[in-house]
Amino acid sequence: MVVCRFAHLPPSIWLYAGHTLLIAAVSLRLISITPHLEPGDHLRHRRMSAIVLMLSALLAIVLSFVNSGLALWAFALNFAVPLIRKWSRRAAASD
């Protein structure tokens, strides 16, 4: 609600991106402490998604200092996760 009404103000972006960053960090922590998770592609994809979400939140915070109107576009990086997965599969297959 805050970001919807005050997207032009950096503190609203900090609030949104900060919460998103914390959610991704908790997700990574839960993945690491959950017992009996079978290692494999699914677990690697979950970790990669959480890391990309954390990076996009940090980028949004940094961009809000420069141009708050463009800062929320940093979250569009999350749409690149499937491309990163394909790239990582190709890199793993070539090794």
PDB file of N, CA and C in Angstrom:
ATOM      1  N   MET A   1       0.809  -1.180   0.000  1.00  0.00           N
ATOM      2  CA  MET A   1       0.000   0.000   0.000  1.00  0.00           C
ATOM      3  C   MET A   1       0.867   1.265   0.000  1.00  0.00           C
ATOM      4  N   VAL A   2       1.950   1.216   0.776  1.00  0.00           N
ATOM      5  CA  VAL A   2       2.828   2.378   0.861  1.00  0.00           C
ATOM      6  C   VAL A   2       3.495   2.634  -0.483  1.00  0.00           C
ATOM      7  N   VAL A   3       4.002   1.569  -1.112  1.00  0.00           N
ATOM      8  CA  VAL A   3       4.671   1.726  -2.397  1.00  0.00           C
ATOM      9  C   VAL A   3       3.677   2.154  -3.470  1.00  0.00           C
ATOM     10  N   CYS A   4       2.471   1.708  -3.369  1.00  0.00           N
ATOM     11  CA  CYS A   4       1.447   2.103  -4.349  1.00  0.00           C
ATOM     12  C   CYS A   4       1.188   3.604  -4.290  1.00  0.00           C
ATOM     13  N   ARG A   5       1.091   4.133  -3.115  1.00  0.00           N
ATOM     14  CA  ARG A   5       0.767   5.555  -2.968  1.00  0.00           C
ATOM     15  C   ARG A   5       1.976   6.478  -3.067  1.00  0.00           C
ATOM     16  N   PHE A   6       3.125   5.979  -2.625  1.00  0.00           N
ATOM     17  CA  PHE A   6       4.301   6.845  -2.540  1.00  0.00           C
ATOM     18  C   PHE A   6       5.500   6.267  -3.282  1.00  0.00           C
ATOM     19  N   ALA A   7       5.295   5.720  -4.460  1.00  0.00           N
ATOM     20  CA  ALA A   7       6.373   5.085  -5.230  1.00  0.00           C
ATOM     21  C   ALA A   7       7.458   6.075  -5.628  1.00  0.00           C
ATOM     22  N   HIS A   8       7.135   7.334  -5.655  1.00  0.00           N
ATOM     23  CA  HIS A   8       8.114   8.352  -6.038  1.00  0.00           C
ATOM     24  C   HIS A   8       9.050   8.736  -4.890  1.00  0.00           C
ATOM     25  N   LEU A   9       8.773   8.256  -3.693  1.00  0.00           N
ATOM     26  CA  LEU A   9       9.602   8.575  -2.525  1.00  0.00           C
ATOM     27  C   LEU A   9      10.513   7.391  -2.174  1.00  0.00           C
ATOM     28  N   PRO A  10      11.800   7.627  -2.073  1.00  0.00           N
ATOM     29  CA  PRO A  10      12.734   6.539  -1.762  1.00  0.00           C
ATOM     30  C   PRO A  10      12.415   5.740  -0.486  1.00  0.00           C
ATOM     31  N   PRO A  11      11.966   6.358   0.618  1.00  0.00           N
ATOM     32  CA  PRO A  11      11.685   5.537   1.802  1.00  0.00           C
ATOM     33  C   PRO A  11      10.626   4.458   1.575  1.00  0.00           C
ATOM     34  N   SER A  12       9.672   4.701   0.708  1.00  0.00           N
ATOM     35  CA  SER A  12       8.678   3.654   0.441  1.00  0.00           C
ATOM     36  C   SER A  12       9.325   2.498  -0.305  1.00  0.00           C
ATOM     37  N   ILE A  13      10.281   2.795  -1.170  1.00  0.00           N
ATOM     38  CA  ILE A  13      11.008   1.749  -1.880  1.00  0.00           C
ATOM     39  C   ILE A  13      11.905   0.990  -0.912  1.00  0.00           C
ATOM     40  N   TRP A  14      12.523   1.697   0.019  1.00  0.00           N
ATOM     41  CA  TRP A  14      13.356   1.034   1.017  1.00  0.00           C
ATOM     42  C   TRP A  14      12.527   0.073   1.859  1.00  0.00           C
ATOM     43  N   LEU A  15      11.329   0.515   2.234  1.00  0.00           N
ATOM     44  CA  LEU A  15      10.450  -0.343   3.031  1.00  0.00           C
ATOM     45  C   LEU A  15      10.089  -1.609   2.267  1.00  0.00           C
ATOM     46  N   TYR A  16       9.656  -1.461   1.031  1.00  0.00           N
ATOM     47  CA  TYR A  16       9.256  -2.610   0.217  1.00  0.00           C
ATOM     48  C   TYR A  16      10.438  -3.529  -0.073  1.00  0.00           C
ATOM     49  N   ALA A  17      11.531  -2.954  -0.531  1.00  0.00           N
ATOM     50  CA  ALA A  17      12.698  -3.762  -0.880  1.00  0.00           C
ATOM     51  C   ALA A  17      13.315  -4.398   0.368  1.00  0.00           C
ATOM     52  N   GLY A  18      13.293  -3.689   1.472  1.00  0.00           N
ATOM     53  CA  GLY A  18      13.810  -4.255   2.718  1.00  0.00           C
ATOM     54  C   GLY A  18      13.025  -5.462   3.176  1.00  0.00           C
ATOM     55  N   HIS A  19      11.707  -5.357   3.110  1.00  0.00           N
ATOM     56  CA  HIS A  19      10.876  -6.510   3.471  1.00  0.00           C
ATOM     57  C   HIS A  19      11.102  -7.674   2.513  1.00  0.00           C
ATOM     58  N   THR A  20      11.213  -7.366   1.234  1.00  0.00           N
ATOM     59  CA  THR A  20      11.468  -8.419   0.252  1.00  0.00           C
ATOM     60  C   THR A  20      12.813  -9.084   0.504  1.00  0.00           C
ATOM     61  N   LEU A  21      13.800  -8.299   0.845  1.00  0.00           N
ATOM     62  CA  LEU A  21      15.126  -8.821   1.156  1.00  0.00           C
ATOM     63  C   LEU A  21      15.072  -9.747   2.377  1.00  0.00           C
ATOM     64  N   LEU A  22      14.351  -9.340   3.399  1.00  0.00           N
ATOM     65  CA  LEU A  22      14.217 -10.172   4.595  1.00  0.00           C
ATOM     66  C   LEU A  22      13.474 -11.467   4.309  1.00  0.00           C
ATOM     67  N   ILE A  23      12.440 -11.404   3.482  1.00  0.00           N
ATOM     68  CA  ILE A  23      11.693 -12.613   3.122  1.00  0.00           C
ATOM     69  C   ILE A  23      12.592 -13.592   2.381  1.00  0.00           C
ATOM     70  N   ALA A  24      13.398 -13.095   1.457  1.00  0.00           N
ATOM     71  CA  ALA A  24      14.314 -13.967   0.719  1.00  0.00           C
ATOM     72  C   ALA A  24      15.379 -14.548   1.641  1.00  0.00           C
ATOM     73  N   ALA A  25      15.868 -13.762   2.588  1.00  0.00           N
ATOM     74  CA  ALA A  25      16.872 -14.257   3.534  1.00  0.00           C
ATOM     75  C   ALA A  25      16.293 -15.352   4.431  1.00  0.00           C
ATOM     76  N   VAL A  26      15.080 -15.158   4.887  1.00  0.00           N
ATOM     77  CA  VAL A  26      14.418 -16.184   5.704  1.00  0.00           C
ATOM     78  C   VAL A  26      14.194 -17.445   4.877  1.00  0.00           C
ATOM     79  N   SER A  27      13.836 -17.281   3.624  1.00  0.00           N
ATOM     80  CA  SER A  27      13.650 -18.425   2.738  1.00  0.00           C
ATOM     81  C   SER A  27      14.938 -19.228   2.594  1.00  0.00           C
ATOM     82  N   LEU A  28      16.047 -18.537   2.372  1.00  0.00           N
ATOM     83  CA  LEU A  28      17.336 -19.232   2.280  1.00  0.00           C
ATOM     84  C   LEU A  28      17.684 -19.942   3.585  1.00  0.00           C
ATOM     85  N   ARG A  29      17.413 -19.295   4.688  1.00  0.00           N
ATOM     86  CA  ARG A  29      17.695 -19.907   5.992  1.00  0.00           C
ATOM     87  C   ARG A  29      16.835 -21.145   6.216  1.00  0.00           C
ATOM     88  N   LEU A  30      15.571 -21.071   5.860  1.00  0.00           N
ATOM     89  CA  LEU A  30      14.696 -22.228   6.023  1.00  0.00           C
ATOM     90  C   LEU A  30      15.140 -23.394   5.138  1.00  0.00           C
ATOM     91  N   ILE A  31      15.599 -23.085   3.945  1.00  0.00           N
ATOM     92  CA  ILE A  31      16.113 -24.136   3.060  1.00  0.00           C
ATOM     93  C   ILE A  31      17.326 -24.806   3.692  1.00  0.00           C
ATOM     94  N   SER A  32      18.182 -24.002   4.323  1.00  0.00           N
ATOM     95  CA  SER A  32      19.413 -24.565   4.883  1.00  0.00           C
ATOM     96  C   SER A  32      19.175 -25.375   6.158  1.00  0.00           C
ATOM     97  N   ILE A  33      18.144 -25.071   6.930  1.00  0.00           N
ATOM     98  CA  ILE A  33      17.945 -25.798   8.187  1.00  0.00           C
ATOM     99  C   ILE A  33      16.898 -26.896   8.094  1.00  0.00           C
ATOM    100  N   THR A  34      16.207 -26.997   6.979  1.00  0.00           N
ATOM    101  CA  THR A  34      15.193 -28.034   6.842  1.00  0.00           C
ATOM    102  C   THR A  34      15.879 -29.388   6.644  1.00  0.00           C
ATOM    103  N   PRO A  35      15.562 -30.349   7.515  1.00  0.00           N
ATOM    104  CA  PRO A  35      16.209 -31.653   7.376  1.00  0.00           C
ATOM    105  C   PRO A  35      15.605 -32.462   6.215  1.00  0.00           C
ATOM    106  N   HIS A  36      16.379 -33.354   5.728  1.00  0.00           N
ATOM    107  CA  HIS A  36      15.934 -34.334   4.723  1.00  0.00           C
ATOM    108  C   HIS A  36      15.545 -33.719   3.389  1.00  0.00           C
ATOM    109  N   LEU A  37      16.150 -32.611   3.019  1.00  0.00           N
ATOM    110  CA  LEU A  37      15.927 -32.081   1.682  1.00  0.00           C
ATOM    111  C   LEU A  37      16.862 -32.804   0.725  1.00  0.00           C
ATOM    112  N   GLU A  38      16.286 -33.349  -0.298  1.00  0.00           N
ATOM    113  CA  GLU A  38      17.092 -34.080  -1.266  1.00  0.00           C
ATOM    114  C   GLU A  38      17.806 -33.100  -2.177  1.00  0.00           C
ATOM    115  N   PRO A  39      19.130 -33.161  -2.218  1.00  0.00           N
ATOM    116  CA  PRO A  39      19.850 -32.235  -3.090  1.00  0.00           C
ATOM    117  C   PRO A  39      19.551 -32.534  -4.551  1.00  0.00           C
ATOM    118  N   GLY A  40      19.488 -31.502  -5.322  1.00  0.00           N
ATOM    119  CA  GLY A  40      19.219 -31.681  -6.741  1.00  0.00           C
ATOM    120  C   GLY A  40      18.799 -30.376  -7.380  1.00  0.00           C
ATOM    121  N   ASP A  41      18.214 -30.504  -8.555  1.00  0.00           N
ATOM    122  CA  ASP A  41      17.824 -29.320  -9.331  1.00  0.00           C
ATOM    123  C   ASP A  41      16.794 -28.462  -8.610  1.00  0.00           C
ATOM    124  N   HIS A  42      15.800 -29.086  -8.006  1.00  0.00           N
ATOM    125  CA  HIS A  42      14.737 -28.323  -7.354  1.00  0.00           C
ATOM    126  C   HIS A  42      15.297 -27.445  -6.233  1.00  0.00           C
ATOM    127  N   LEU A  43      16.153 -28.010  -5.419  1.00  0.00           N
ATOM    128  CA  LEU A  43      16.740 -27.254  -4.307  1.00  0.00           C
ATOM    129  C   LEU A  43      17.651 -26.145  -4.834  1.00  0.00           C
ATOM    130  N   ARG A  44      18.427 -26.440  -5.862  1.00  0.00           N
ATOM    131  CA  ARG A  44      19.305 -25.427  -6.455  1.00  0.00           C
ATOM    132  C   ARG A  44      18.489 -24.283  -7.054  1.00  0.00           C
ATOM    133  N   HIS A  45      17.360 -24.600  -7.693  1.00  0.00           N
ATOM    134  CA  HIS A  45      16.500 -23.564  -8.272  1.00  0.00           C
ATOM    135  C   HIS A  45      15.890 -22.674  -7.194  1.00  0.00           C
ATOM    136  N   ARG A  46      15.497 -23.257  -6.085  1.00  0.00           N
ATOM    137  CA  ARG A  46      14.933 -22.462  -4.989  1.00  0.00           C
ATOM    138  C   ARG A  46      15.978 -21.501  -4.424  1.00  0.00           C
ATOM    139  N   ARG A  47      17.187 -22.006  -4.250  1.00  0.00           N
ATOM    140  CA  ARG A  47      18.255 -21.139  -3.732  1.00  0.00           C
ATOM    141  C   ARG A  47      18.558 -20.015  -4.714  1.00  0.00           C
ATOM    142  N   MET A  48      18.640 -20.368  -5.988  1.00  0.00           N
ATOM    143  CA  MET A  48      18.948 -19.365  -7.003  1.00  0.00           C
ATOM    144  C   MET A  48      17.850 -18.302  -7.061  1.00  0.00           C
ATOM    145  N   SER A  49      16.605 -18.703  -6.961  1.00  0.00           N
ATOM    146  CA  SER A  49      15.501 -17.744  -6.985  1.00  0.00           C
ATOM    147  C   SER A  49      15.572 -16.790  -5.794  1.00  0.00           C
ATOM    148  N   ALA A  50      15.887 -17.321  -4.628  1.00  0.00           N
ATOM    149  CA  ALA A  50      15.990 -16.468  -3.435  1.00  0.00           C
ATOM    150  C   ALA A  50      17.168 -15.504  -3.554  1.00  0.00           C
ATOM    151  N   ILE A  51      18.273 -15.967  -4.105  1.00  0.00           N
ATOM    152  CA  ILE A  51      19.444 -15.098  -4.256  1.00  0.00           C
ATOM    153  C   ILE A  51      19.169 -13.993  -5.265  1.00  0.00           C
ATOM    154  N   VAL A  52      18.520 -14.329  -6.373  1.00  0.00           N
ATOM    155  CA  VAL A  52      18.180 -13.296  -7.368  1.00  0.00           C
ATOM    156  C   VAL A  52      17.200 -12.293  -6.771  1.00  0.00           C
ATOM    157  N   LEU A  53      16.261 -12.756  -5.967  1.00  0.00           N
ATOM    158  CA  LEU A  53      15.323 -11.840  -5.312  1.00  0.00           C
ATOM    159  C   LEU A  53      16.064 -10.899  -4.360  1.00  0.00           C
ATOM    160  N   MET A  54      17.035 -11.426  -3.628  1.00  0.00           N
ATOM    161  CA  MET A  54      17.816 -10.578  -2.727  1.00  0.00           C
ATOM    162  C   MET A  54      18.626  -9.549  -3.513  1.00  0.00           C
ATOM    163  N   LEU A  55      19.226  -9.971  -4.604  1.00  0.00           N
ATOM    164  CA  LEU A  55      20.011  -9.044  -5.425  1.00  0.00           C
ATOM    165  C   LEU A  55      19.139  -7.957  -6.048  1.00  0.00           C
ATOM    166  N   SER A  56      17.948  -8.333  -6.509  1.00  0.00           N
ATOM    167  CA  SER A  56      17.070  -7.322  -7.109  1.00  0.00           C
ATOM    168  C   SER A  56      16.565  -6.337  -6.054  1.00  0.00           C
ATOM    169  N   ALA A  57      16.341  -6.804  -4.830  1.00  0.00           N
ATOM    170  CA  ALA A  57      15.923  -5.898  -3.752  1.00  0.00           C
ATOM    171  C   ALA A  57      17.052  -4.930  -3.405  1.00  0.00           C
ATOM    172  N   LEU A  58      18.268  -5.442  -3.335  1.00  0.00           N
ATOM    173  CA  LEU A  58      19.410  -4.558  -3.064  1.00  0.00           C
ATOM    174  C   LEU A  58      19.607  -3.551  -4.186  1.00  0.00           C
ATOM    175  N   LEU A  59      19.447  -3.991  -5.427  1.00  0.00           N
ATOM    176  CA  LEU A  59      19.568  -3.088  -6.563  1.00  0.00           C
ATOM    177  C   LEU A  59      18.489  -2.006  -6.518  1.00  0.00           C
ATOM    178  N   ALA A  60      17.277  -2.370  -6.129  1.00  0.00           N
ATOM    179  CA  ALA A  60      16.194  -1.386  -6.016  1.00  0.00           C
ATOM    180  C   ALA A  60      16.530  -0.327  -4.968  1.00  0.00           C
ATOM    181  N   ILE A  61      17.110  -0.762  -3.856  1.00  0.00           N
ATOM    182  CA  ILE A  61      17.491   0.197  -2.813  1.00  0.00           C
ATOM    183  C   ILE A  61      18.561   1.148  -3.334  1.00  0.00           C
ATOM    184  N   VAL A  62      19.561   0.609  -4.020  1.00  0.00           N
ATOM    185  CA  VAL A  62      20.634   1.451  -4.559  1.00  0.00           C
ATOM    186  C   VAL A  62      20.087   2.411  -5.610  1.00  0.00           C
ATOM    187  N   LEU A  63      19.240   1.905  -6.509  1.00  0.00           N
ATOM    188  CA  LEU A  63      18.672   2.759  -7.554  1.00  0.00           C
ATOM    189  C   LEU A  63      17.762   3.846  -6.996  1.00  0.00           C
ATOM    190  N   SER A  64      17.166   3.602  -5.839  1.00  0.00           N
ATOM    191  CA  SER A  64      16.272   4.615  -5.261  1.00  0.00           C
ATOM    192  C   SER A  64      17.027   5.882  -4.877  1.00  0.00           C
ATOM    193  N   PHE A  65      18.331   5.763  -4.633  1.00  0.00           N
ATOM    194  CA  PHE A  65      19.129   6.949  -4.340  1.00  0.00           C
ATOM    195  C   PHE A  65      19.392   7.773  -5.596  1.00  0.00           C
ATOM    196  N   VAL A  66      19.390   7.094  -6.747  1.00  0.00           N
ATOM    197  CA  VAL A  66      19.682   7.764  -8.013  1.00  0.00           C
ATOM    198  C   VAL A  66      18.407   8.248  -8.679  1.00  0.00           C
ATOM    199  N   ASN A  67      17.453   7.314  -8.864  1.00  0.00           N
ATOM    200  CA  ASN A  67      16.204   7.634  -9.547  1.00  0.00           C
ATOM    201  C   ASN A  67      15.109   6.736  -8.982  1.00  0.00           C
ATOM    202  N   SER A  68      14.306   7.279  -8.099  1.00  0.00           N
ATOM    203  CA  SER A  68      13.291   6.457  -7.441  1.00  0.00           C
ATOM    204  C   SER A  68      12.205   5.982  -8.404  1.00  0.00           C
ATOM    205  N   GLY A  69      12.027   6.675  -9.514  1.00  0.00           N
ATOM    206  CA  GLY A  69      11.033   6.245 -10.500  1.00  0.00           C
ATOM    207  C   GLY A  69      11.414   4.962 -11.203  1.00  0.00           C
ATOM    208  N   LEU A  70      12.704   4.696 -11.304  1.00  0.00           N
ATOM    209  CA  LEU A  70      13.175   3.483 -11.974  1.00  0.00           C
ATOM    210  C   LEU A  70      13.558   2.371 -11.009  1.00  0.00           C
ATOM    211  N   ALA A  71      13.594   2.654  -9.739  1.00  0.00           N
ATOM    212  CA  ALA A  71      14.109   1.700  -8.754  1.00  0.00           C
ATOM    213  C   ALA A  71      13.310   0.406  -8.709  1.00  0.00           C
ATOM    214  N   LEU A  72      12.002   0.491  -8.816  1.00  0.00           N
ATOM    215  CA  LEU A  72      11.195  -0.723  -8.719  1.00  0.00           C
ATOM    216  C   LEU A  72      11.355  -1.628  -9.935  1.00  0.00           C
ATOM    217  N   TRP A  73      11.900  -1.098 -11.024  1.00  0.00           N
ATOM    218  CA  TRP A  73      12.164  -1.927 -12.205  1.00  0.00           C
ATOM    219  C   TRP A  73      13.256  -2.956 -11.928  1.00  0.00           C
ATOM    220  N   ALA A  74      14.002  -2.790 -10.866  1.00  0.00           N
ATOM    221  CA  ALA A  74      15.028  -3.772 -10.509  1.00  0.00           C
ATOM    222  C   ALA A  74      14.405  -5.133 -10.223  1.00  0.00           C
ATOM    223  N   PHE A  75      13.173  -5.142  -9.777  1.00  0.00           N
ATOM    224  CA  PHE A  75      12.496  -6.411  -9.491  1.00  0.00           C
ATOM    225  C   PHE A  75      12.153  -7.180 -10.762  1.00  0.00           C
ATOM    226  N   ALA A  76      12.265  -6.539 -11.910  1.00  0.00           N
ATOM    227  CA  ALA A  76      12.042  -7.241 -13.181  1.00  0.00           C
ATOM    228  C   ALA A  76      13.144  -8.263 -13.445  1.00  0.00           C
ATOM    229  N   LEU A  77      14.255  -8.152 -12.742  1.00  0.00           N
ATOM    230  CA  LEU A  77      15.326  -9.144 -12.881  1.00  0.00           C
ATOM    231  C   LEU A  77      14.871 -10.548 -12.498  1.00  0.00           C
ATOM    232  N   ASN A  78      13.841 -10.625 -11.684  1.00  0.00           N
ATOM    233  CA  ASN A  78      13.340 -11.934 -11.267  1.00  0.00           C
ATOM    234  C   ASN A  78      12.764 -12.723 -12.438  1.00  0.00           C
ATOM    235  N   PHE A  79      12.407 -12.030 -13.495  1.00  0.00           N
ATOM    236  CA  PHE A  79      11.925 -12.731 -14.681  1.00  0.00           C
ATOM    237  C   PHE A  79      13.060 -13.403 -15.441  1.00  0.00           C
ATOM    238  N   ALA A  80      14.292 -13.082 -15.098  1.00  0.00           N
ATOM    239  CA  ALA A  80      15.451 -13.681 -15.757  1.00  0.00           C
ATOM    240  C   ALA A  80      15.860 -15.018 -15.134  1.00  0.00           C
ATOM    241  N   VAL A  81      15.229 -15.412 -14.050  1.00  0.00           N
ATOM    242  CA  VAL A  81      15.607 -16.651 -13.365  1.00  0.00           C
ATOM    243  C   VAL A  81      15.521 -17.865 -14.298  1.00  0.00           C
ATOM    244  N   PRO A  82      14.465 -18.040 -15.104  1.00  0.00           N
ATOM    245  CA  PRO A  82      14.457 -19.196 -16.019  1.00  0.00           C
ATOM    246  C   PRO A  82      15.628 -19.185 -17.007  1.00  0.00           C
ATOM    247  N   LEU A  83      16.022 -18.011 -17.467  1.00  0.00           N
ATOM    248  CA  LEU A  83      17.173 -17.931 -18.368  1.00  0.00           C
ATOM    249  C   LEU A  83      18.461 -18.310 -17.651  1.00  0.00           C
ATOM    250  N   ILE A  84      18.590 -17.898 -16.402  1.00  0.00           N
ATOM    251  CA  ILE A  84      19.770 -18.254 -15.611  1.00  0.00           C
ATOM    252  C   ILE A  84      19.805 -19.768 -15.383  1.00  0.00           C
ATOM    253  N   ARG A  85      18.645 -20.364 -15.153  1.00  0.00           N
ATOM    254  CA  ARG A  85      18.585 -21.817 -14.971  1.00  0.00           C
ATOM    255  C   ARG A  85      19.062 -22.545 -16.220  1.00  0.00           C
ATOM    256  N   LYS A  86      18.587 -22.101 -17.383  1.00  0.00           N
ATOM    257  CA  LYS A  86      19.023 -22.727 -18.635  1.00  0.00           C
ATOM    258  C   LYS A  86      20.523 -22.582 -18.816  1.00  0.00           C
ATOM    259  N   TRP A  87      21.053 -21.398 -18.520  1.00  0.00           N
ATOM    260  CA  TRP A  87      22.486 -21.162 -18.647  1.00  0.00           C
ATOM    261  C   TRP A  87      23.265 -22.056 -17.689  1.00  0.00           C
ATOM    262  N   SER A  88      22.781 -22.204 -16.458  1.00  0.00           N
ATOM    263  CA  SER A  88      23.501 -23.029 -15.478  1.00  0.00           C
ATOM    264  C   SER A  88      23.436 -24.504 -15.857  1.00  0.00           C
ATOM    265  N   ARG A  89      22.340 -24.956 -16.448  1.00  0.00           N
ATOM    266  CA  ARG A  89      22.251 -26.349 -16.915  1.00  0.00           C
ATOM    267  C   ARG A  89      23.247 -26.602 -18.027  1.00  0.00           C
ATOM    268  N   ARG A  90      23.343 -25.661 -18.955  1.00  0.00           N
ATOM    269  CA  ARG A  90      24.296 -25.811 -20.071  1.00  0.00           C
ATOM    270  C   ARG A  90      25.735 -25.814 -19.553  1.00  0.00           C
ATOM    271  N   ALA A  91      26.008 -24.959 -18.576  1.00  0.00           N
ATOM    272  CA  ALA A  91      27.357 -24.915 -18.020  1.00  0.00           C
ATOM    273  C   ALA A  91      27.674 -26.214 -17.287  1.00  0.00           C
ATOM    274  N   ALA A  92      26.693 -26.764 -16.577  1.00  0.00           N
ATOM    275  CA  ALA A  92      26.911 -28.017 -15.847  1.00  0.00           C
ATOM    276  C   ALA A  92      27.044 -29.191 -16.817  1.00  0.00           C
ATOM    277  N   ALA A  93      26.311 -29.153 -17.920  1.00  0.00           N
ATOM    278  CA  ALA A  93      26.376 -30.236 -18.901  1.00  0.00           C
ATOM    279  C   ALA A  93      27.711 -30.227 -19.650  1.00  0.00           C
ATOM    280  N   SER A  94      28.282 -29.063 -19.851  1.00  0.00           N
ATOM    281  CA  SER A  94      29.546 -28.979 -20.585  1.00  0.00           C
ATOM    282  C   SER A  94      30.735 -29.374 -19.727  1.00  0.00           C
ATOM    283  N   ASP A  95      30.563 -29.370 -18.391  1.00  0.00           N
ATOM    284  CA  ASP A  95      31.667 -29.765 -17.486  1.00  0.00           C
ATOM    285  C   ASP A  95      31.811 -31.225 -17.442  1.00  0.00           C
TER     286      ASP A  95
END
